[in-house]
Amino acid sequence: MSEQTVPARTEEQIRATVATVIVDLAPDQGVDVTPSTNLVKDLGYHSLALMEVAFAIEDEFDLDPIDEDTARKISTVGAVQDLVVQRLNERDGK
C-alpha cells in the first residue's frame, strides 16, 4: 500500500486552512475571525459542532483523532491552529 502524498504546506497556509474550516462550519456566520476568536462565545459552537469541525480538520490534514482532554483545553481559533501545526510538525519529524 502506497502512502498518500500530501503537498507540503507552509505554516501560514496551514493556519489559513484551519481558520477557513472553522469559519465555514461556524454556527454564527459573519464574525471577523482572529487567533483570539473564541469558538463558543464568538462563533456559537456547541459540543456537536465542535466535533464536526474536529473531524473536518482531522480529514483535511490526515491527523489522528484529537483526544478528549486536549479538545477540552481548546477554546480559540489560534489554539486550534497551534495544535494542528504542532501535530503536523511531530508527524513530519520537524
PDB file of N, CA and C in Angstrom:
ATOM      1  N   MET A   1       0.847  -1.174   0.000  1.00  0.00           N
ATOM      2  CA  MET A   1       0.000   0.000   0.000  1.00  0.00           C
ATOM      3  C   MET A   1       0.890   1.234   0.000  1.00  0.00           C
ATOM      4  N   SER A   2       0.645   2.136  -0.937  1.00  0.00           N
ATOM      5  CA  SER A   2       1.494   3.323  -1.025  1.00  0.00           C
ATOM      6  C   SER A   2       0.942   4.430  -0.139  1.00  0.00           C
ATOM      7  N   GLU A   3       1.873   5.234   0.390  1.00  0.00           N
ATOM      8  CA  GLU A   3       1.476   6.357   1.230  1.00  0.00           C
ATOM      9  C   GLU A   3       0.926   7.467   0.364  1.00  0.00           C
ATOM     10  N   GLN A   4      -0.105   8.122   0.877  1.00  0.00           N
ATOM     11  CA  GLN A   4      -0.682   9.247   0.154  1.00  0.00           C
ATOM     12  C   GLN A   4       0.287  10.417   0.261  1.00  0.00           C
ATOM     13  N   THR A   5       0.569  11.040  -0.870  1.00  0.00           N
ATOM     14  CA  THR A   5       1.468  12.176  -0.875  1.00  0.00           C
ATOM     15  C   THR A   5       0.658  13.451  -0.727  1.00  0.00           C
ATOM     16  N   VAL A   6       0.949  14.176   0.356  1.00  0.00           N
ATOM     17  CA  VAL A   6       0.269  15.436   0.609  1.00  0.00           C
ATOM     18  C   VAL A   6       1.273  16.544   0.330  1.00  0.00           C
ATOM     19  N   PRO A   7       0.911  17.492  -0.533  1.00  0.00           N
ATOM     20  CA  PRO A   7       1.859  18.569  -0.811  1.00  0.00           C
ATOM     21  C   PRO A   7       2.181  19.336   0.469  1.00  0.00           C
ATOM     22  N   ALA A   8       3.433  19.685   0.620  1.00  0.00           N
ATOM     23  CA  ALA A   8       3.868  20.425   1.807  1.00  0.00           C
ATOM     24  C   ALA A   8       3.187  21.790   1.817  1.00  0.00           C
ATOM     25  N   ARG A   9       2.736  22.166   2.986  1.00  0.00           N
ATOM     26  CA  ARG A   9       2.102  23.474   3.148  1.00  0.00           C
ATOM     27  C   ARG A   9       2.937  24.282   4.130  1.00  0.00           C
ATOM     28  N   THR A  10       2.971  25.559   3.914  1.00  0.00           N
ATOM     29  CA  THR A  10       3.662  26.424   4.861  1.00  0.00           C
ATOM     30  C   THR A  10       2.790  26.563   6.108  1.00  0.00           C
ATOM     31  N   GLU A  11       3.399  27.012   7.195  1.00  0.00           N
ATOM     32  CA  GLU A  11       2.630  27.214   8.418  1.00  0.00           C
ATOM     33  C   GLU A  11       1.510  28.226   8.176  1.00  0.00           C
ATOM     34  N   GLU A  12       1.789  29.241   7.398  1.00  0.00           N
ATOM     35  CA  GLU A  12       0.771  30.251   7.086  1.00  0.00           C
ATOM     36  C   GLU A  12      -0.413  29.619   6.346  1.00  0.00           C
ATOM     37  N   GLN A  13      -0.128  28.730   5.399  1.00  0.00           N
ATOM     38  CA  GLN A  13      -1.201  28.054   4.659  1.00  0.00           C
ATOM     39  C   GLN A  13      -2.004  27.131   5.580  1.00  0.00           C
ATOM     40  N   ILE A  14      -1.314  26.450   6.480  1.00  0.00           N
ATOM     41  CA  ILE A  14      -1.981  25.556   7.432  1.00  0.00           C
ATOM     42  C   ILE A  14      -2.932  26.372   8.305  1.00  0.00           C
ATOM     43  N   ARG A  15      -2.419  27.471   8.857  1.00  0.00           N
ATOM     44  CA  ARG A  15      -3.250  28.319   9.728  1.00  0.00           C
ATOM     45  C   ARG A  15      -4.446  28.886   8.966  1.00  0.00           C
ATOM     46  N   ALA A  16      -4.252  29.283   7.716  1.00  0.00           N
ATOM     47  CA  ALA A  16      -5.346  29.829   6.911  1.00  0.00           C
ATOM     48  C   ALA A  16      -6.392  28.755   6.633  1.00  0.00           C
ATOM     49  N   THR A  17      -5.959  27.541   6.337  1.00  0.00           N
ATOM     50  CA  THR A  17      -6.887  26.446   6.069  1.00  0.00           C
ATOM     51  C   THR A  17      -7.698  26.111   7.307  1.00  0.00           C
ATOM     52  N   VAL A  18      -7.040  26.057   8.466  1.00  0.00           N
ATOM     53  CA  VAL A  18      -7.744  25.774   9.718  1.00  0.00           C
ATOM     54  C   VAL A  18      -8.806  26.850   9.964  1.00  0.00           C
ATOM     55  N   ALA A  19      -8.432  28.105   9.799  1.00  0.00           N
ATOM     56  CA  ALA A  19      -9.384  29.197  10.013  1.00  0.00           C
ATOM     57  C   ALA A  19     -10.566  29.092   9.051  1.00  0.00           C
ATOM     58  N   THR A  20     -10.297  28.741   7.806  1.00  0.00           N
ATOM     59  CA  THR A  20     -11.362  28.601   6.814  1.00  0.00           C
ATOM     60  C   THR A  20     -12.342  27.498   7.205  1.00  0.00           C
ATOM     61  N   VAL A  21     -11.826  26.358   7.632  1.00  0.00           N
ATOM     62  CA  VAL A  21     -12.691  25.249   8.055  1.00  0.00           C
ATOM     63  C   VAL A  21     -13.554  25.695   9.234  1.00  0.00           C
ATOM     64  N   ILE A  22     -12.942  26.362  10.206  1.00  0.00           N
ATOM     65  CA  ILE A  22     -13.679  26.813  11.390  1.00  0.00           C
ATOM     66  C   ILE A  22     -14.773  27.803  10.999  1.00  0.00           C
ATOM     67  N   VAL A  23     -14.451  28.753  10.142  1.00  0.00           N
ATOM     68  CA  VAL A  23     -15.430  29.763   9.719  1.00  0.00           C
ATOM     69  C   VAL A  23     -16.552  29.116   8.907  1.00  0.00           C
ATOM     70  N   ASP A  24     -16.196  28.232   7.987  1.00  0.00           N
ATOM     71  CA  ASP A  24     -17.203  27.596   7.126  1.00  0.00           C
ATOM     72  C   ASP A  24     -18.223  26.784   7.928  1.00  0.00           C
ATOM     73  N   LEU A  25     -17.786  26.173   9.020  1.00  0.00           N
ATOM     74  CA  LEU A  25     -18.677  25.322   9.818  1.00  0.00           C
ATOM     75  C   LEU A  25     -19.274  26.043  11.023  1.00  0.00           C
ATOM     76  N   ALA A  26     -18.891  27.290  11.247  1.00  0.00           N
ATOM     77  CA  ALA A  26     -19.343  28.034  12.427  1.00  0.00           C
ATOM     78  C   ALA A  26     -20.852  28.250  12.410  1.00  0.00           C
ATOM     79  N   PRO A  27     -21.507  27.980  13.539  1.00  0.00           N
ATOM     80  CA  PRO A  27     -22.939  28.252  13.640  1.00  0.00           C
ATOM     81  C   PRO A  27     -23.269  29.734  13.457  1.00  0.00           C
ATOM     82  N   ASP A  28     -22.437  30.618  13.985  1.00  0.00           N
ATOM     83  CA  ASP A  28     -22.650  32.059  13.842  1.00  0.00           C
ATOM     84  C   ASP A  28     -21.737  32.588  12.749  1.00  0.00           C
ATOM     85  N   GLN A  29     -22.319  32.973  11.633  1.00  0.00           N
ATOM     86  CA  GLN A  29     -21.552  33.477  10.499  1.00  0.00           C
ATOM     87  C   GLN A  29     -21.366  34.990  10.600  1.00  0.00           C
ATOM     88  N   GLY A  30     -20.447  35.525   9.831  1.00  0.00           N
ATOM     89  CA  GLY A  30     -20.253  36.968   9.767  1.00  0.00           C
ATOM     90  C   GLY A  30     -19.371  37.532  10.864  1.00  0.00           C
ATOM     91  N   VAL A  31     -18.669  36.671  11.587  1.00  0.00           N
ATOM     92  CA  VAL A  31     -17.775  37.114  12.643  1.00  0.00           C
ATOM     93  C   VAL A  31     -16.372  37.254  12.062  1.00  0.00           C
ATOM     94  N   ASP A  32     -15.713  38.381  12.351  1.00  0.00           N
ATOM     95  CA  ASP A  32     -14.319  38.537  11.940  1.00  0.00           C
ATOM     96  C   ASP A  32     -13.471  37.619  12.810  1.00  0.00           C
ATOM     97  N   VAL A  33     -12.765  36.694  12.170  1.00  0.00           N
ATOM     98  CA  VAL A  33     -12.021  35.680  12.910  1.00  0.00           C
ATOM     99  C   VAL A  33     -10.547  36.052  13.010  1.00  0.00           C
ATOM    100  N   THR A  34     -10.044  36.010  14.230  1.00  0.00           N
ATOM    101  CA  THR A  34      -8.632  36.208  14.531  1.00  0.00           C
ATOM    102  C   THR A  34      -8.197  35.031  15.392  1.00  0.00           C
ATOM    103  N   PRO A  35      -6.892  34.883  15.658  1.00  0.00           N
ATOM    104  CA  PRO A  35      -6.468  33.792  16.530  1.00  0.00           C
ATOM    105  C   PRO A  35      -7.122  33.815  17.917  1.00  0.00           C
ATOM    106  N   SER A  36      -7.534  34.983  18.397  1.00  0.00           N
ATOM    107  CA  SER A  36      -8.139  35.054  19.735  1.00  0.00           C
ATOM    108  C   SER A  36      -9.656  34.868  19.721  1.00  0.00           C
ATOM    109  N   THR A  37     -10.241  34.641  18.543  1.00  0.00           N
ATOM    110  CA  THR A  37     -11.692  34.426  18.460  1.00  0.00           C
ATOM    111  C   THR A  37     -12.059  33.152  19.210  1.00  0.00           C
ATOM    112  N   ASN A  38     -13.034  33.284  20.135  1.00  0.00           N
ATOM    113  CA  ASN A  38     -13.468  32.150  20.940  1.00  0.00           C
ATOM    114  C   ASN A  38     -14.470  31.312  20.155  1.00  0.00           C
ATOM    115  N   LEU A  39     -14.248  30.003  20.149  1.00  0.00           N
ATOM    116  CA  LEU A  39     -15.085  29.099  19.362  1.00  0.00           C
ATOM    117  C   LEU A  39     -16.535  29.073  19.853  1.00  0.00           C
ATOM    118  N   VAL A  40     -16.730  29.107  21.164  1.00  0.00           N
ATOM    119  CA  VAL A  40     -18.078  29.021  21.729  1.00  0.00           C
ATOM    120  C   VAL A  40     -18.720  30.394  21.827  1.00  0.00           C
ATOM    121  N   LYS A  41     -18.042  31.313  22.493  1.00  0.00           N
ATOM    122  CA  LYS A  41     -18.635  32.639  22.748  1.00  0.00           C
ATOM    123  C   LYS A  41     -18.796  33.468  21.479  1.00  0.00           C
ATOM    124  N   ASP A  42     -17.818  33.453  20.600  1.00  0.00           N
ATOM    125  CA  ASP A  42     -17.848  34.309  19.413  1.00  0.00           C
ATOM    126  C   ASP A  42     -18.476  33.644  18.188  1.00  0.00           C
ATOM    127  N   LEU A  43     -18.240  32.345  18.019  1.00  0.00           N
ATOM    128  CA  LEU A  43     -18.698  31.663  16.806  1.00  0.00           C
ATOM    129  C   LEU A  43     -19.901  30.750  17.035  1.00  0.00           C
ATOM    130  N   GLY A  44     -20.337  30.635  18.300  1.00  0.00           N
ATOM    131  CA  GLY A  44     -21.543  29.873  18.588  1.00  0.00           C
ATOM    132  C   GLY A  44     -21.410  28.369  18.528  1.00  0.00           C
ATOM    133  N   TYR A  45     -20.185  27.862  18.596  1.00  0.00           N
ATOM    134  CA  TYR A  45     -20.004  26.407  18.563  1.00  0.00           C
ATOM    135  C   TYR A  45     -20.567  25.769  19.826  1.00  0.00           C
ATOM    136  N   HIS A  46     -21.161  24.590  19.666  1.00  0.00           N
ATOM    137  CA  HIS A  46     -21.595  23.744  20.776  1.00  0.00           C
ATOM    138  C   HIS A  46     -20.895  22.408  20.585  1.00  0.00           C
ATOM    139  N   SER A  47     -21.084  21.486  21.507  1.00  0.00           N
ATOM    140  CA  SER A  47     -20.287  20.257  21.505  1.00  0.00           C
ATOM    141  C   SER A  47     -20.371  19.478  20.193  1.00  0.00           C
ATOM    142  N   LEU A  48     -21.560  19.328  19.619  1.00  0.00           N
ATOM    143  CA  LEU A  48     -21.683  18.568  18.382  1.00  0.00           C
ATOM    144  C   LEU A  48     -20.987  19.276  17.222  1.00  0.00           C
ATOM    145  N   ALA A  49     -21.144  20.592  17.152  1.00  0.00           N
ATOM    146  CA  ALA A  49     -20.486  21.362  16.089  1.00  0.00           C
ATOM    147  C   ALA A  49     -18.971  21.334  16.251  1.00  0.00           C
ATOM    148  N   LEU A  50     -18.494  21.329  17.495  1.00  0.00           N
ATOM    149  CA  LEU A  50     -17.044  21.237  17.727  1.00  0.00           C
ATOM    150  C   LEU A  50     -16.508  19.886  17.261  1.00  0.00           C
ATOM    151  N   MET A  51     -17.281  18.830  17.476  1.00  0.00           N
ATOM    152  CA  MET A  51     -16.856  17.513  16.989  1.00  0.00           C
ATOM    153  C   MET A  51     -16.798  17.512  15.470  1.00  0.00           C
ATOM    154  N   GLU A  52     -17.770  18.133  14.841  1.00  0.00           N
ATOM    155  CA  GLU A  52     -17.804  18.193  13.382  1.00  0.00           C
ATOM    156  C   GLU A  52     -16.578  18.924  12.837  1.00  0.00           C
ATOM    157  N   VAL A  53     -16.216  20.046  13.456  1.00  0.00           N
ATOM    158  CA  VAL A  53     -15.048  20.795  12.986  1.00  0.00           C
ATOM    159  C   VAL A  53     -13.764  19.999  13.244  1.00  0.00           C
ATOM    160  N   ALA A  54     -13.713  19.276  14.361  1.00  0.00           N
ATOM    161  CA  ALA A  54     -12.536  18.439  14.648  1.00  0.00           C
ATOM    162  C   ALA A  54     -12.378  17.365  13.573  1.00  0.00           C
ATOM    163  N   PHE A  55     -13.480  16.709  13.216  1.00  0.00           N
ATOM    164  CA  PHE A  55     -13.425  15.679  12.167  1.00  0.00           C
ATOM    165  C   PHE A  55     -12.980  16.282  10.836  1.00  0.00           C
ATOM    166  N   ALA A  56     -13.507  17.448  10.515  1.00  0.00           N
ATOM    167  CA  ALA A  56     -13.154  18.091   9.242  1.00  0.00           C
ATOM    168  C   ALA A  56     -11.663  18.426   9.197  1.00  0.00           C
ATOM    169  N   ILE A  57     -11.127  18.917  10.307  1.00  0.00           N
ATOM    170  CA  ILE A  57      -9.700  19.262  10.357  1.00  0.00           C
ATOM    171  C   ILE A  57      -8.849  18.001  10.314  1.00  0.00           C
ATOM    172  N   GLU A  58      -9.262  16.965  11.045  1.00  0.00           N
ATOM    173  CA  GLU A  58      -8.524  15.697  11.005  1.00  0.00           C
ATOM    174  C   GLU A  58      -8.478  15.155   9.578  1.00  0.00           C
ATOM    175  N   ASP A  59      -9.600  15.231   8.868  1.00  0.00           N
ATOM    176  CA  ASP A  59      -9.651  14.759   7.476  1.00  0.00           C
ATOM    177  C   ASP A  59      -8.787  15.624   6.570  1.00  0.00           C
ATOM    178  N   GLU A  60      -8.890  16.929   6.722  1.00  0.00           N
ATOM    179  CA  GLU A  60      -8.151  17.864   5.868  1.00  0.00           C
ATOM    180  C   GLU A  60      -6.646  17.631   5.950  1.00  0.00           C
ATOM    181  N   PHE A  61      -6.154  17.351   7.151  1.00  0.00           N
ATOM    182  CA  PHE A  61      -4.707  17.232   7.356  1.00  0.00           C
ATOM    183  C   PHE A  61      -4.253  15.795   7.610  1.00  0.00           C
ATOM    184  N   ASP A  62      -5.175  14.830   7.499  1.00  0.00           N
ATOM    185  CA  ASP A  62      -4.860  13.425   7.730  1.00  0.00           C
ATOM    186  C   ASP A  62      -4.216  13.225   9.104  1.00  0.00           C
ATOM    187  N   LEU A  63      -4.885  13.752  10.135  1.00  0.00           N
ATOM    188  CA  LEU A  63      -4.386  13.672  11.502  1.00  0.00           C
ATOM    189  C   LEU A  63      -5.122  12.596  12.288  1.00  0.00           C
ATOM    190  N   ASP A  64      -4.454  12.075  13.310  1.00  0.00           N
ATOM    191  CA  ASP A  64      -5.113  11.165  14.235  1.00  0.00           C
ATOM    192  C   ASP A  64      -6.160  11.951  15.020  1.00  0.00           C
ATOM    193  N   PRO A  65      -7.175  11.266  15.526  1.00  0.00           N
ATOM    194  CA  PRO A  65      -8.211  11.962  16.299  1.00  0.00           C
ATOM    195  C   PRO A  65      -7.616  12.707  17.501  1.00  0.00           C
ATOM    196  N   ILE A  66      -8.236  13.827  17.809  1.00  0.00           N
ATOM    197  CA  ILE A  66      -7.817  14.633  18.957  1.00  0.00           C
ATOM    198  C   ILE A  66      -8.452  14.010  20.194  1.00  0.00           C
ATOM    199  N   ASP A  67      -7.638  13.764  21.227  1.00  0.00           N
ATOM    200  CA  ASP A  67      -8.185  13.156  22.435  1.00  0.00           C
ATOM    201  C   ASP A  67      -9.046  14.169  23.191  1.00  0.00           C
ATOM    202  N   GLU A  68      -9.943  13.648  23.991  1.00  0.00           N
ATOM    203  CA  GLU A  68     -10.936  14.488  24.672  1.00  0.00           C
ATOM    204  C   GLU A  68     -10.295  15.511  25.606  1.00  0.00           C
ATOM    205  N   ASP A  69      -9.253  15.110  26.344  1.00  0.00           N
ATOM    206  CA  ASP A  69      -8.594  16.052  27.262  1.00  0.00           C
ATOM    207  C   ASP A  69      -8.013  17.239  26.509  1.00  0.00           C
ATOM    208  N   THR A  70      -7.361  16.970  25.384  1.00  0.00           N
ATOM    209  CA  THR A  70      -6.791  18.046  24.571  1.00  0.00           C
ATOM    210  C   THR A  70      -7.900  18.923  24.013  1.00  0.00           C
ATOM    211  N   ALA A  71      -8.934  18.293  23.511  1.00  0.00           N
ATOM    212  CA  ALA A  71     -10.041  19.039  22.908  1.00  0.00           C
ATOM    213  C   ALA A  71     -10.695  19.987  23.910  1.00  0.00           C
ATOM    214  N   ARG A  72     -10.819  19.563  25.161  1.00  0.00           N
ATOM    215  CA  ARG A  72     -11.459  20.398  26.184  1.00  0.00           C
ATOM    216  C   ARG A  72     -10.661  21.661  26.492  1.00  0.00           C
ATOM    217  N   LYS A  73      -9.364  21.631  26.232  1.00  0.00           N
ATOM    218  CA  LYS A  73      -8.496  22.775  26.525  1.00  0.00           C
ATOM    219  C   LYS A  73      -8.477  23.804  25.395  1.00  0.00           C
ATOM    220  N   ILE A  74      -9.053  23.453  24.258  1.00  0.00           N
ATOM    221  CA  ILE A  74      -9.012  24.331  23.090  1.00  0.00           C
ATOM    222  C   ILE A  74     -10.245  25.224  23.097  1.00  0.00           C
ATOM    223  N   SER A  75     -10.015  26.541  23.123  1.00  0.00           N
ATOM    224  CA  SER A  75     -11.166  27.445  23.155  1.00  0.00           C
ATOM    225  C   SER A  75     -11.111  28.537  22.087  1.00  0.00           C
ATOM    226  N   THR A  76      -9.970  28.689  21.421  1.00  0.00           N
ATOM    227  CA  THR A  76      -9.845  29.755  20.431  1.00  0.00           C
ATOM    228  C   THR A  76      -9.386  29.213  19.077  1.00  0.00           C
ATOM    229  N   VAL A  77      -9.576  30.015  18.061  1.00  0.00           N
ATOM    230  CA  VAL A  77      -9.119  29.658  16.718  1.00  0.00           C
ATOM    231  C   VAL A  77      -7.606  29.445  16.735  1.00  0.00           C
ATOM    232  N   GLY A  78      -6.879  30.330  17.407  1.00  0.00           N
ATOM    233  CA  GLY A  78      -5.419  30.217  17.485  1.00  0.00           C
ATOM    234  C   GLY A  78      -4.963  28.926  18.143  1.00  0.00           C
ATOM    235  N   ALA A  79      -5.694  28.482  19.160  1.00  0.00           N
ATOM    236  CA  ALA A  79      -5.334  27.228  19.827  1.00  0.00           C
ATOM    237  C   ALA A  79      -5.504  26.037  18.888  1.00  0.00           C
ATOM    238  N   VAL A  80      -6.536  26.069  18.061  1.00  0.00           N
ATOM    239  CA  VAL A  80      -6.724  25.005  17.073  1.00  0.00           C
ATOM    240  C   VAL A  80      -5.590  25.047  16.053  1.00  0.00           C
ATOM    241  N   GLN A  81      -5.274  26.237  15.579  1.00  0.00           N
ATOM    242  CA  GLN A  81      -4.187  26.394  14.611  1.00  0.00           C
ATOM    243  C   GLN A  81      -2.874  25.885  15.199  1.00  0.00           C
ATOM    244  N   ASP A  82      -2.578  26.272  16.435  1.00  0.00           N
ATOM    245  CA  ASP A  82      -1.335  25.831  17.092  1.00  0.00           C
ATOM    246  C   ASP A  82      -1.279  24.314  17.194  1.00  0.00           C
ATOM    247  N   LEU A  83      -2.398  23.694  17.572  1.00  0.00           N
ATOM    248  CA  LEU A  83      -2.438  22.242  17.717  1.00  0.00           C
ATOM    249  C   LEU A  83      -2.185  21.546  16.380  1.00  0.00           C
ATOM    250  N   VAL A  84      -2.819  22.031  15.328  1.00  0.00           N
ATOM    251  CA  VAL A  84      -2.637  21.411  14.005  1.00  0.00           C
ATOM    252  C   VAL A  84      -1.183  21.552  13.557  1.00  0.00           C
ATOM    253  N   VAL A  85      -0.603  22.749  13.699  1.00  0.00           N
ATOM    254  CA  VAL A  85       0.800  22.958  13.318  1.00  0.00           C
ATOM    255  C   VAL A  85       1.704  22.035  14.130  1.00  0.00           C
ATOM    256  N   GLN A  86       1.460  21.933  15.436  1.00  0.00           N
ATOM    257  CA  GLN A  86       2.270  21.066  16.300  1.00  0.00           C
ATOM    258  C   GLN A  86       2.159  19.605  15.874  1.00  0.00           C
ATOM    259  N   ARG A  87       0.937  19.138  15.638  1.00  0.00           N
ATOM    260  CA  ARG A  87       0.734  17.738  15.239  1.00  0.00           C
ATOM    261  C   ARG A  87       1.390  17.429  13.897  1.00  0.00           C
ATOM    262  N   LEU A  88       1.273  18.354  12.949  1.00  0.00           N
ATOM    263  CA  LEU A  88       1.903  18.145  11.647  1.00  0.00           C
ATOM    264  C   LEU A  88       3.421  18.131  11.772  1.00  0.00           C
ATOM    265  N   ASN A  89       3.982  19.012  12.587  1.00  0.00           N
ATOM    266  CA  ASN A  89       5.429  19.026  12.790  1.00  0.00           C
ATOM    267  C   ASN A  89       5.915  17.745  13.441  1.00  0.00           C
ATOM    268  N   GLU A  90       5.146  17.240  14.423  1.00  0.00           N
ATOM    269  CA  GLU A  90       5.506  15.977  15.079  1.00  0.00           C
ATOM    270  C   GLU A  90       5.435  14.831  14.078  1.00  0.00           C
ATOM    271  N   ARG A  91       4.378  14.809  13.285  1.00  0.00           N
ATOM    272  CA  ARG A  91       4.194  13.719  12.317  1.00  0.00           C
ATOM    273  C   ARG A  91       5.290  13.738  11.257  1.00  0.00           C
ATOM    274  N   ASP A  92       5.645  14.931  10.825  1.00  0.00           N
ATOM    275  CA  ASP A  92       6.632  15.074   9.747  1.00  0.00           C
ATOM    276  C   ASP A  92       8.057  15.126  10.252  1.00  0.00           C
ATOM    277  N   GLY A  93       8.238  14.987  11.568  1.00  0.00           N
ATOM    278  CA  GLY A  93       9.582  14.944  12.137  1.00  0.00           C
ATOM    279  C   GLY A  93      10.310  16.275  12.128  1.00  0.00           C
ATOM    280  N   LYS A  94       9.579  17.355  12.277  1.00  0.00           N
ATOM    281  CA  LYS A  94      10.204  18.686  12.286  1.00  0.00           C
ATOM    282  C   LYS A  94      10.438  19.144  13.697  1.00  0.00           C
TER     283      LYS A  94
END
